[in-house]
Amino acid sequence: MRNRSMFAHYSLKPYFICPDCQAKYTVDSHTRRRGLVIAVFSMLTIGLSAVAFQRGFPWSLLTFTSGTGLLVYAGYALSKMTYVRYGD
């Protein structure tokens, strides 16, 4: 029975369902924009990682810097995340 509520909580719907009160909620628009920045930053880091794997040392410093910046920004974005009620 508990697994069923977890499937309802984690789905592809545009909202989450609170397992305690069954209310629908979603993230605010600022959190969505920060998520987009994280996605772009992640693609940059993956690209730099591929170049560093092929070319060697100088590119690995850029990859390290980009990865560190990505982790710092992801931590910032998670600390600023807020939820709002989802309207039907």
PDB file of N, CA and C in Angstrom:
ATOM      1  N   MET A   1       0.828  -1.187   0.000  1.00  0.00           N
ATOM      2  CA  MET A   1       0.000   0.000   0.000  1.00  0.00           C
ATOM      3  C   MET A   1       0.875   1.254   0.000  1.00  0.00           C
ATOM      4  N   ARG A   2       1.964   1.237   0.744  1.00  0.00           N
ATOM      5  CA  ARG A   2       2.837   2.403   0.816  1.00  0.00           C
ATOM      6  C   ARG A   2       3.501   2.682  -0.523  1.00  0.00           C
ATOM      7  N   ASN A   3       3.879   1.634  -1.268  1.00  0.00           N
ATOM      8  CA  ASN A   3       4.503   1.825  -2.575  1.00  0.00           C
ATOM      9  C   ASN A   3       3.559   2.510  -3.550  1.00  0.00           C
ATOM     10  N   ARG A   4       2.288   2.235  -3.432  1.00  0.00           N
ATOM     11  CA  ARG A   4       1.324   2.859  -4.332  1.00  0.00           C
ATOM     12  C   ARG A   4       1.321   4.379  -4.156  1.00  0.00           C
ATOM     13  N   SER A   5       1.411   4.866  -2.928  1.00  0.00           N
ATOM     14  CA  SER A   5       1.432   6.311  -2.709  1.00  0.00           C
ATOM     15  C   SER A   5       2.726   6.932  -3.230  1.00  0.00           C
ATOM     16  N   MET A   6       3.823   6.178  -3.206  1.00  0.00           N
ATOM     17  CA  MET A   6       5.082   6.701  -3.753  1.00  0.00           C
ATOM     18  C   MET A   6       4.985   6.860  -5.268  1.00  0.00           C
ATOM     19  N   PHE A   7       4.294   5.924  -5.944  1.00  0.00           N
ATOM     20  CA  PHE A   7       4.111   6.066  -7.382  1.00  0.00           C
ATOM     21  C   PHE A   7       3.247   7.285  -7.699  1.00  0.00           C
ATOM     22  N   ALA A   8       2.269   7.562  -6.876  1.00  0.00           N
ATOM     23  CA  ALA A   8       1.437   8.747  -7.093  1.00  0.00           C
ATOM     24  C   ALA A   8       2.225  10.017  -6.830  1.00  0.00           C
ATOM     25  N   HIS A   9       3.164   9.950  -5.896  1.00  0.00           N
ATOM     26  CA  HIS A   9       3.959  11.136  -5.560  1.00  0.00           C
ATOM     27  C   HIS A   9       4.985  11.437  -6.647  1.00  0.00           C
ATOM     28  N   TYR A  10       5.667  10.415  -7.170  1.00  0.00           N
ATOM     29  CA  TYR A  10       6.687  10.607  -8.193  1.00  0.00           C
ATOM     30  C   TYR A  10       6.149  10.124  -9.532  1.00  0.00           C
ATOM     31  N   SER A  11       5.610  11.027 -10.323  1.00  0.00           N
ATOM     32  CA  SER A  11       5.077  10.677 -11.632  1.00  0.00           C
ATOM     33  C   SER A  11       5.427  11.793 -12.614  1.00  0.00           C
ATOM     34  N   LEU A  12       4.932  11.680 -13.827  1.00  0.00           N
ATOM     35  CA  LEU A  12       5.192  12.691 -14.849  1.00  0.00           C
ATOM     36  C   LEU A  12       4.136  13.789 -14.870  1.00  0.00           C
ATOM     37  N   LYS A  13       3.263  13.812 -13.890  1.00  0.00           N
ATOM     38  CA  LYS A  13       2.239  14.853 -13.804  1.00  0.00           C
ATOM     39  C   LYS A  13       2.908  16.183 -13.469  1.00  0.00           C
ATOM     40  N   PRO A  14       2.276  17.324 -13.817  1.00  0.00           N
ATOM     41  CA  PRO A  14       2.889  18.633 -13.545  1.00  0.00           C
ATOM     42  C   PRO A  14       2.787  19.047 -12.080  1.00  0.00           C
ATOM     43  N   TYR A  15       2.382  18.151 -11.221  1.00  0.00           N
ATOM     44  CA  TYR A  15       2.247  18.456  -9.801  1.00  0.00           C
ATOM     45  C   TYR A  15       2.640  17.244  -8.972  1.00  0.00           C
ATOM     46  N   PHE A  16       2.880  17.464  -7.702  1.00  0.00           N
ATOM     47  CA  PHE A  16       3.151  16.403  -6.740  1.00  0.00           C
ATOM     48  C   PHE A  16       1.948  16.293  -5.810  1.00  0.00           C
ATOM     49  N   ILE A  17       1.741  15.128  -5.254  1.00  0.00           N
ATOM     50  CA  ILE A  17       0.661  14.929  -4.305  1.00  0.00           C
ATOM     51  C   ILE A  17       1.279  14.673  -2.939  1.00  0.00           C
ATOM     52  N   CYS A  18       0.875  15.472  -1.963  1.00  0.00           N
ATOM     53  CA  CYS A  18       1.372  15.304  -0.608  1.00  0.00           C
ATOM     54  C   CYS A  18       0.850  13.970  -0.060  1.00  0.00           C
ATOM     55  N   PRO A  19       1.741  13.095   0.426  1.00  0.00           N
ATOM     56  CA  PRO A  19       1.270  11.801   0.932  1.00  0.00           C
ATOM     57  C   PRO A  19       0.455  11.925   2.221  1.00  0.00           C
ATOM     58  N   ASP A  20       0.587  13.023   2.941  1.00  0.00           N
ATOM     59  CA  ASP A  20      -0.153  13.183   4.191  1.00  0.00           C
ATOM     60  C   ASP A  20      -1.540  13.777   3.972  1.00  0.00           C
ATOM     61  N   CYS A  21      -1.625  14.905   3.256  1.00  0.00           N
ATOM     62  CA  CYS A  21      -2.905  15.608   3.118  1.00  0.00           C
ATOM     63  C   CYS A  21      -3.540  15.468   1.738  1.00  0.00           C
ATOM     64  N   GLN A  22      -2.855  14.809   0.796  1.00  0.00           N
ATOM     65  CA  GLN A  22      -3.336  14.590  -0.571  1.00  0.00           C
ATOM     66  C   GLN A  22      -3.537  15.887  -1.360  1.00  0.00           C
ATOM     67  N   ALA A  23      -2.921  16.974  -0.930  1.00  0.00           N
ATOM     68  CA  ALA A  23      -3.000  18.240  -1.658  1.00  0.00           C
ATOM     69  C   ALA A  23      -2.019  18.212  -2.833  1.00  0.00           C
ATOM     70  N   LYS A  24      -2.360  18.910  -3.904  1.00  0.00           N
ATOM     71  CA  LYS A  24      -1.487  19.000  -5.075  1.00  0.00           C
ATOM     72  C   LYS A  24      -0.630  20.259  -4.962  1.00  0.00           C
ATOM     73  N   TYR A  25       0.653  20.120  -5.270  1.00  0.00           N
ATOM     74  CA  TYR A  25       1.539  21.275  -5.230  1.00  0.00           C
ATOM     75  C   TYR A  25       2.592  21.153  -6.324  1.00  0.00           C
ATOM     76  N   THR A  26       3.187  22.286  -6.678  1.00  0.00           N
ATOM     77  CA  THR A  26       4.223  22.343  -7.699  1.00  0.00           C
ATOM     78  C   THR A  26       5.240  23.406  -7.295  1.00  0.00           C
ATOM     79  N   VAL A  27       6.350  23.488  -8.021  1.00  0.00           N
ATOM     80  CA  VAL A  27       7.363  24.495  -7.712  1.00  0.00           C
ATOM     81  C   VAL A  27       6.968  25.824  -8.350  1.00  0.00           C
ATOM     82  N   ASP A  28       7.482  26.912  -7.800  1.00  0.00           N
ATOM     83  CA  ASP A  28       7.162  28.232  -8.346  1.00  0.00           C
ATOM     84  C   ASP A  28       7.946  28.490  -9.632  1.00  0.00           C
ATOM     85  N   SER A  29       7.614  29.562 -10.342  1.00  0.00           N
ATOM     86  CA  SER A  29       8.225  29.837 -11.646  1.00  0.00           C
ATOM     87  C   SER A  29       9.712  30.172 -11.536  1.00  0.00           C
ATOM     88  N   HIS A  30      10.136  30.786 -10.437  1.00  0.00           N
ATOM     89  CA  HIS A  30      11.565  31.096 -10.264  1.00  0.00           C
ATOM     90  C   HIS A  30      12.379  29.815 -10.142  1.00  0.00           C
ATOM     91  N   THR A  31      11.840  28.816  -9.486  1.00  0.00           N
ATOM     92  CA  THR A  31      12.532  27.537  -9.343  1.00  0.00           C
ATOM     93  C   THR A  31      12.660  26.861 -10.701  1.00  0.00           C
ATOM     94  N   ARG A  32      11.659  26.989 -11.544  1.00  0.00           N
ATOM     95  CA  ARG A  32      11.737  26.408 -12.893  1.00  0.00           C
ATOM     96  C   ARG A  32      12.843  27.071 -13.706  1.00  0.00           C
ATOM     97  N   ARG A  33      12.973  28.393 -13.592  1.00  0.00           N
ATOM     98  CA  ARG A  33      14.043  29.091 -14.319  1.00  0.00           C
ATOM     99  C   ARG A  33      15.416  28.667 -13.808  1.00  0.00           C
ATOM    100  N   ARG A  34      15.554  28.516 -12.497  1.00  0.00           N
ATOM    101  CA  ARG A  34      16.840  28.055 -11.956  1.00  0.00           C
ATOM    102  C   ARG A  34      17.140  26.643 -12.435  1.00  0.00           C
ATOM    103  N   GLY A  35      16.118  25.815 -12.596  1.00  0.00           N
ATOM    104  CA  GLY A  35      16.308  24.464 -13.132  1.00  0.00           C
ATOM    105  C   GLY A  35      16.795  24.486 -14.567  1.00  0.00           C
ATOM    106  N   LEU A  36      16.307  25.435 -15.352  1.00  0.00           N
ATOM    107  CA  LEU A  36      16.763  25.579 -16.733  1.00  0.00           C
ATOM    108  C   LEU A  36      18.236  25.979 -16.779  1.00  0.00           C
ATOM    109  N   VAL A  37      18.650  26.879 -15.897  1.00  0.00           N
ATOM    110  CA  VAL A  37      20.063  27.275 -15.825  1.00  0.00           C
ATOM    111  C   VAL A  37      20.924  26.070 -15.458  1.00  0.00           C
ATOM    112  N   ILE A  38      20.449  25.243 -14.532  1.00  0.00           N
ATOM    113  CA  ILE A  38      21.197  24.046 -14.141  1.00  0.00           C
ATOM    114  C   ILE A  38      21.323  23.089 -15.328  1.00  0.00           C
ATOM    115  N   ALA A  39      20.261  22.939 -16.120  1.00  0.00           N
ATOM    116  CA  ALA A  39      20.315  22.046 -17.285  1.00  0.00           C
ATOM    117  C   ALA A  39      21.340  22.534 -18.306  1.00  0.00           C
ATOM    118  N   VAL A  40      21.350  23.842 -18.576  1.00  0.00           N
ATOM    119  CA  VAL A  40      22.321  24.396 -19.535  1.00  0.00           C
ATOM    120  C   VAL A  40      23.740  24.260 -18.984  1.00  0.00           C
ATOM    121  N   PHE A  41      23.919  24.558 -17.706  1.00  0.00           N
ATOM    122  CA  PHE A  41      25.219  24.440 -17.054  1.00  0.00           C
ATOM    123  C   PHE A  41      25.712  22.988 -17.083  1.00  0.00           C
ATOM    124  N   SER A  42      24.804  22.037 -16.929  1.00  0.00           N
ATOM    125  CA  SER A  42      25.163  20.617 -16.966  1.00  0.00           C
ATOM    126  C   SER A  42      25.632  20.210 -18.356  1.00  0.00           C
ATOM    127  N   MET A  43      24.937  20.705 -19.379  1.00  0.00           N
ATOM    128  CA  MET A  43      25.355  20.381 -20.750  1.00  0.00           C
ATOM    129  C   MET A  43      26.742  20.951 -21.054  1.00  0.00           C
ATOM    130  N   LEU A  44      27.019  22.150 -20.564  1.00  0.00           N
ATOM    131  CA  LEU A  44      28.342  22.740 -20.731  1.00  0.00           C
ATOM    132  C   LEU A  44      29.402  21.886 -20.035  1.00  0.00           C
ATOM    133  N   THR A  45      29.106  21.435 -18.842  1.00  0.00           N
ATOM    134  CA  THR A  45      30.059  20.614 -18.095  1.00  0.00           C
ATOM    135  C   THR A  45      30.308  19.279 -18.792  1.00  0.00           C
ATOM    136  N   ILE A  46      29.257  18.676 -19.325  1.00  0.00           N
ATOM    137  CA  ILE A  46      29.423  17.414 -20.054  1.00  0.00           C
ATOM    138  C   ILE A  46      30.278  17.627 -21.306  1.00  0.00           C
ATOM    139  N   GLY A  47      30.023  18.718 -22.026  1.00  0.00           N
ATOM    140  CA  GLY A  47      30.827  19.015 -23.212  1.00  0.00           C
ATOM    141  C   GLY A  47      32.287  19.250 -22.877  1.00  0.00           C
ATOM    142  N   LEU A  48      32.532  20.014 -21.813  1.00  0.00           N
ATOM    143  CA  LEU A  48      33.917  20.248 -21.405  1.00  0.00           C
ATOM    144  C   LEU A  48      34.589  18.965 -20.926  1.00  0.00           C
ATOM    145  N   SER A  49      33.827  18.072 -20.318  1.00  0.00           N
ATOM    146  CA  SER A  49      34.388  16.792 -19.882  1.00  0.00           C
ATOM    147  C   SER A  49      34.824  15.956 -21.084  1.00  0.00           C
ATOM    148  N   ALA A  50      34.029  15.958 -22.136  1.00  0.00           N
ATOM    149  CA  ALA A  50      34.392  15.217 -23.341  1.00  0.00           C
ATOM    150  C   ALA A  50      35.659  15.790 -23.977  1.00  0.00           C
ATOM    151  N   VAL A  51      35.746  17.122 -24.036  1.00  0.00           N
ATOM    152  CA  VAL A  51      36.942  17.762 -24.595  1.00  0.00           C
ATOM    153  C   VAL A  51      38.152  17.467 -23.714  1.00  0.00           C
ATOM    154  N   ALA A  52      37.988  17.517 -22.410  1.00  0.00           N
ATOM    155  CA  ALA A  52      39.102  17.245 -21.492  1.00  0.00           C
ATOM    156  C   ALA A  52      39.577  15.804 -21.631  1.00  0.00           C
ATOM    157  N   PHE A  53      38.653  14.885 -21.862  1.00  0.00           N
ATOM    158  CA  PHE A  53      39.035  13.488 -22.040  1.00  0.00           C
ATOM    159  C   PHE A  53      39.880  13.315 -23.302  1.00  0.00           C
ATOM    160  N   GLN A  54      39.567  14.075 -24.349  1.00  0.00           N
ATOM    161  CA  GLN A  54      40.297  13.957 -25.601  1.00  0.00           C
ATOM    162  C   GLN A  54      41.593  14.756 -25.622  1.00  0.00           C
ATOM    163  N   ARG A  55      41.581  15.960 -25.050  1.00  0.00           N
ATOM    164  CA  ARG A  55      42.717  16.877 -25.221  1.00  0.00           C
ATOM    165  C   ARG A  55      43.676  16.917 -24.044  1.00  0.00           C
ATOM    166  N   GLY A  56      43.242  16.552 -22.865  1.00  0.00           N
ATOM    167  CA  GLY A  56      44.184  16.504 -21.758  1.00  0.00           C
ATOM    168  C   GLY A  56      44.113  17.658 -20.781  1.00  0.00           C
ATOM    169  N   PHE A  57      45.278  17.996 -20.222  1.00  0.00           N
ATOM    170  CA  PHE A  57      45.383  18.825 -19.022  1.00  0.00           C
ATOM    171  C   PHE A  57      44.722  20.200 -19.056  1.00  0.00           C
ATOM    172  N   PRO A  58      45.018  21.109 -19.939  1.00  0.00           N
ATOM    173  CA  PRO A  58      44.444  22.447 -19.767  1.00  0.00           C
ATOM    174  C   PRO A  58      42.909  22.437 -19.747  1.00  0.00           C
ATOM    175  N   TRP A  59      42.313  21.552 -20.508  1.00  0.00           N
ATOM    176  CA  TRP A  59      40.849  21.484 -20.557  1.00  0.00           C
ATOM    177  C   TRP A  59      40.268  20.883 -19.289  1.00  0.00           C
ATOM    178  N   SER A  60      41.036  20.078 -18.597  1.00  0.00           N
ATOM    179  CA  SER A  60      40.520  19.477 -17.361  1.00  0.00           C
ATOM    180  C   SER A  60      40.327  20.525 -16.268  1.00  0.00           C
ATOM    181  N   LEU A  61      41.101  21.596 -16.290  1.00  0.00           N
ATOM    182  CA  LEU A  61      40.896  22.679 -15.319  1.00  0.00           C
ATOM    183  C   LEU A  61      39.565  23.386 -15.562  1.00  0.00           C
ATOM    184  N   LEU A  62      39.220  23.594 -16.827  1.00  0.00           N
ATOM    185  CA  LEU A  62      37.922  24.189 -17.144  1.00  0.00           C
ATOM    186  C   LEU A  62      36.778  23.277 -16.722  1.00  0.00           C
ATOM    187  N   THR A  63      36.963  21.983 -16.919  1.00  0.00           N
ATOM    188  CA  THR A  63      35.942  21.022 -16.514  1.00  0.00           C
ATOM    189  C   THR A  63      35.766  21.033 -15.006  1.00  0.00           C
ATOM    190  N   PHE A  64      36.860  21.066 -14.264  1.00  0.00           N
ATOM    191  CA  PHE A  64      36.794  21.108 -12.807  1.00  0.00           C
ATOM    192  C   PHE A  64      36.083  22.378 -12.332  1.00  0.00           C
ATOM    193  N   THR A  65      36.431  23.514 -12.940  1.00  0.00           N
ATOM    194  CA  THR A  65      35.804  24.784 -12.571  1.00  0.00           C
ATOM    195  C   THR A  65      34.310  24.778 -12.894  1.00  0.00           C
ATOM    196  N   SER A  66      33.966  24.271 -14.063  1.00  0.00           N
ATOM    197  CA  SER A  66      32.569  24.213 -14.461  1.00  0.00           C
ATOM    198  C   SER A  66      31.767  23.270 -13.556  1.00  0.00           C
ATOM    199  N   GLY A  67      32.332  22.128 -13.234  1.00  0.00           N
ATOM    200  CA  GLY A  67      31.663  21.176 -12.343  1.00  0.00           C
ATOM    201  C   GLY A  67      31.471  21.727 -10.946  1.00  0.00           C
ATOM    202  N   THR A  68      32.476  22.436 -10.447  1.00  0.00           N
ATOM    203  CA  THR A  68      32.366  23.056  -9.127  1.00  0.00           C
ATOM    204  C   THR A  68      31.297  24.143  -9.133  1.00  0.00           C
ATOM    205  N   GLY A  69      31.284  24.960 -10.170  1.00  0.00           N
ATOM    206  CA  GLY A  69      30.251  25.988 -10.297  1.00  0.00           C
ATOM    207  C   GLY A  69      28.859  25.379 -10.391  1.00  0.00           C
ATOM    208  N   LEU A  70      28.750  24.273 -11.100  1.00  0.00           N
ATOM    209  CA  LEU A  70      27.457  23.590 -11.214  1.00  0.00           C
ATOM    210  C   LEU A  70      26.970  23.102  -9.860  1.00  0.00           C
ATOM    211  N   LEU A  71      27.845  22.502  -9.077  1.00  0.00           N
ATOM    212  CA  LEU A  71      27.458  22.026  -7.745  1.00  0.00           C
ATOM    213  C   LEU A  71      27.057  23.169  -6.823  1.00  0.00           C
ATOM    214  N   VAL A  72      27.794  24.266  -6.880  1.00  0.00           N
ATOM    215  CA  VAL A  72      27.468  25.420  -6.035  1.00  0.00           C
ATOM    216  C   VAL A  72      26.114  26.000  -6.438  1.00  0.00           C
ATOM    217  N   TYR A  73      25.878  26.152  -7.736  1.00  0.00           N
ATOM    218  CA  TYR A  73      24.603  26.719  -8.184  1.00  0.00           C
ATOM    219  C   TYR A  73      23.443  25.770  -7.901  1.00  0.00           C
ATOM    220  N   ALA A  74      23.652  24.467  -8.046  1.00  0.00           N
ATOM    221  CA  ALA A  74      22.593  23.508  -7.730  1.00  0.00           C
ATOM    222  C   ALA A  74      22.241  23.579  -6.246  1.00  0.00           C
ATOM    223  N   GLY A  75      23.233  23.706  -5.392  1.00  0.00           N
ATOM    224  CA  GLY A  75      22.969  23.870  -3.961  1.00  0.00           C
ATOM    225  C   GLY A  75      22.206  25.144  -3.671  1.00  0.00           C
ATOM    226  N   TYR A  76      22.560  26.219  -4.342  1.00  0.00           N
ATOM    227  CA  TYR A  76      21.845  27.491  -4.182  1.00  0.00           C
ATOM    228  C   TYR A  76      20.394  27.350  -4.641  1.00  0.00           C
ATOM    229  N   ALA A  77      20.199  26.735  -5.807  1.00  0.00           N
ATOM    230  CA  ALA A  77      18.845  26.577  -6.344  1.00  0.00           C
ATOM    231  C   ALA A  77      17.983  25.717  -5.431  1.00  0.00           C
ATOM    232  N   LEU A  78      18.551  24.659  -4.871  1.00  0.00           N
ATOM    233  CA  LEU A  78      17.791  23.814  -3.956  1.00  0.00           C
ATOM    234  C   LEU A  78      17.449  24.543  -2.663  1.00  0.00           C
ATOM    235  N   SER A  79      18.321  25.432  -2.217  1.00  0.00           N
ATOM    236  CA  SER A  79      18.044  26.169  -0.984  1.00  0.00           C
ATOM    237  C   SER A  79      16.954  27.214  -1.185  1.00  0.00           C
ATOM    238  N   LYS A  80      16.756  27.674  -2.421  1.00  0.00           N
ATOM    239  CA  LYS A  80      15.752  28.696  -2.717  1.00  0.00           C
ATOM    240  C   LYS A  80      14.442  28.105  -3.252  1.00  0.00           C
ATOM    241  N   MET A  81      14.341  26.775  -3.357  1.00  0.00           N
ATOM    242  CA  MET A  81      13.156  26.141  -3.916  1.00  0.00           C
ATOM    243  C   MET A  81      11.944  26.350  -3.014  1.00  0.00           C
ATOM    244  N   THR A  82      10.849  26.767  -3.622  1.00  0.00           N
ATOM    245  CA  THR A  82       9.599  26.914  -2.888  1.00  0.00           C
ATOM    246  C   THR A  82       8.485  26.193  -3.630  1.00  0.00           C
ATOM    247  N   TYR A  83       7.499  25.762  -2.898  1.00  0.00           N
ATOM    248  CA  TYR A  83       6.360  25.060  -3.482  1.00  0.00           C
ATOM    249  C   TYR A  83       5.103  25.901  -3.324  1.00  0.00           C
ATOM    250  N   VAL A  84       4.239  25.829  -4.306  1.00  0.00           N
ATOM    251  CA  VAL A  84       2.954  26.514  -4.282  1.00  0.00           C
ATOM    252  C   VAL A  84       1.862  25.500  -4.592  1.00  0.00           C
ATOM    253  N   ARG A  85       0.655  25.805  -4.152  1.00  0.00           N
ATOM    254  CA  ARG A  85      -0.465  24.905  -4.439  1.00  0.00           C
ATOM    255  C   ARG A  85      -0.725  24.881  -5.940  1.00  0.00           C
ATOM    256  N   TYR A  86      -1.015  23.705  -6.449  1.00  0.00           N
ATOM    257  CA  TYR A  86      -1.322  23.532  -7.861  1.00  0.00           C
ATOM    258  C   TYR A  86      -2.815  23.741  -8.065  1.00  0.00           C
ATOM    259  N   GLY A  87      -3.187  24.675  -8.921  1.00  0.00           N
ATOM    260  CA  GLY A  87      -4.598  24.930  -9.199  1.00  0.00           C
ATOM    261  C   GLY A  87      -5.106  24.023 -10.302  1.00  0.00           C
ATOM    262  N   ASP A  88      -6.310  23.511 -10.139  1.00  0.00           N
ATOM    263  CA  ASP A  88      -6.873  22.601 -11.149  1.00  0.00           C
ATOM    264  C   ASP A  88      -7.330  23.316 -12.369  1.00  0.00           C
TER     265      ASP A  88
END
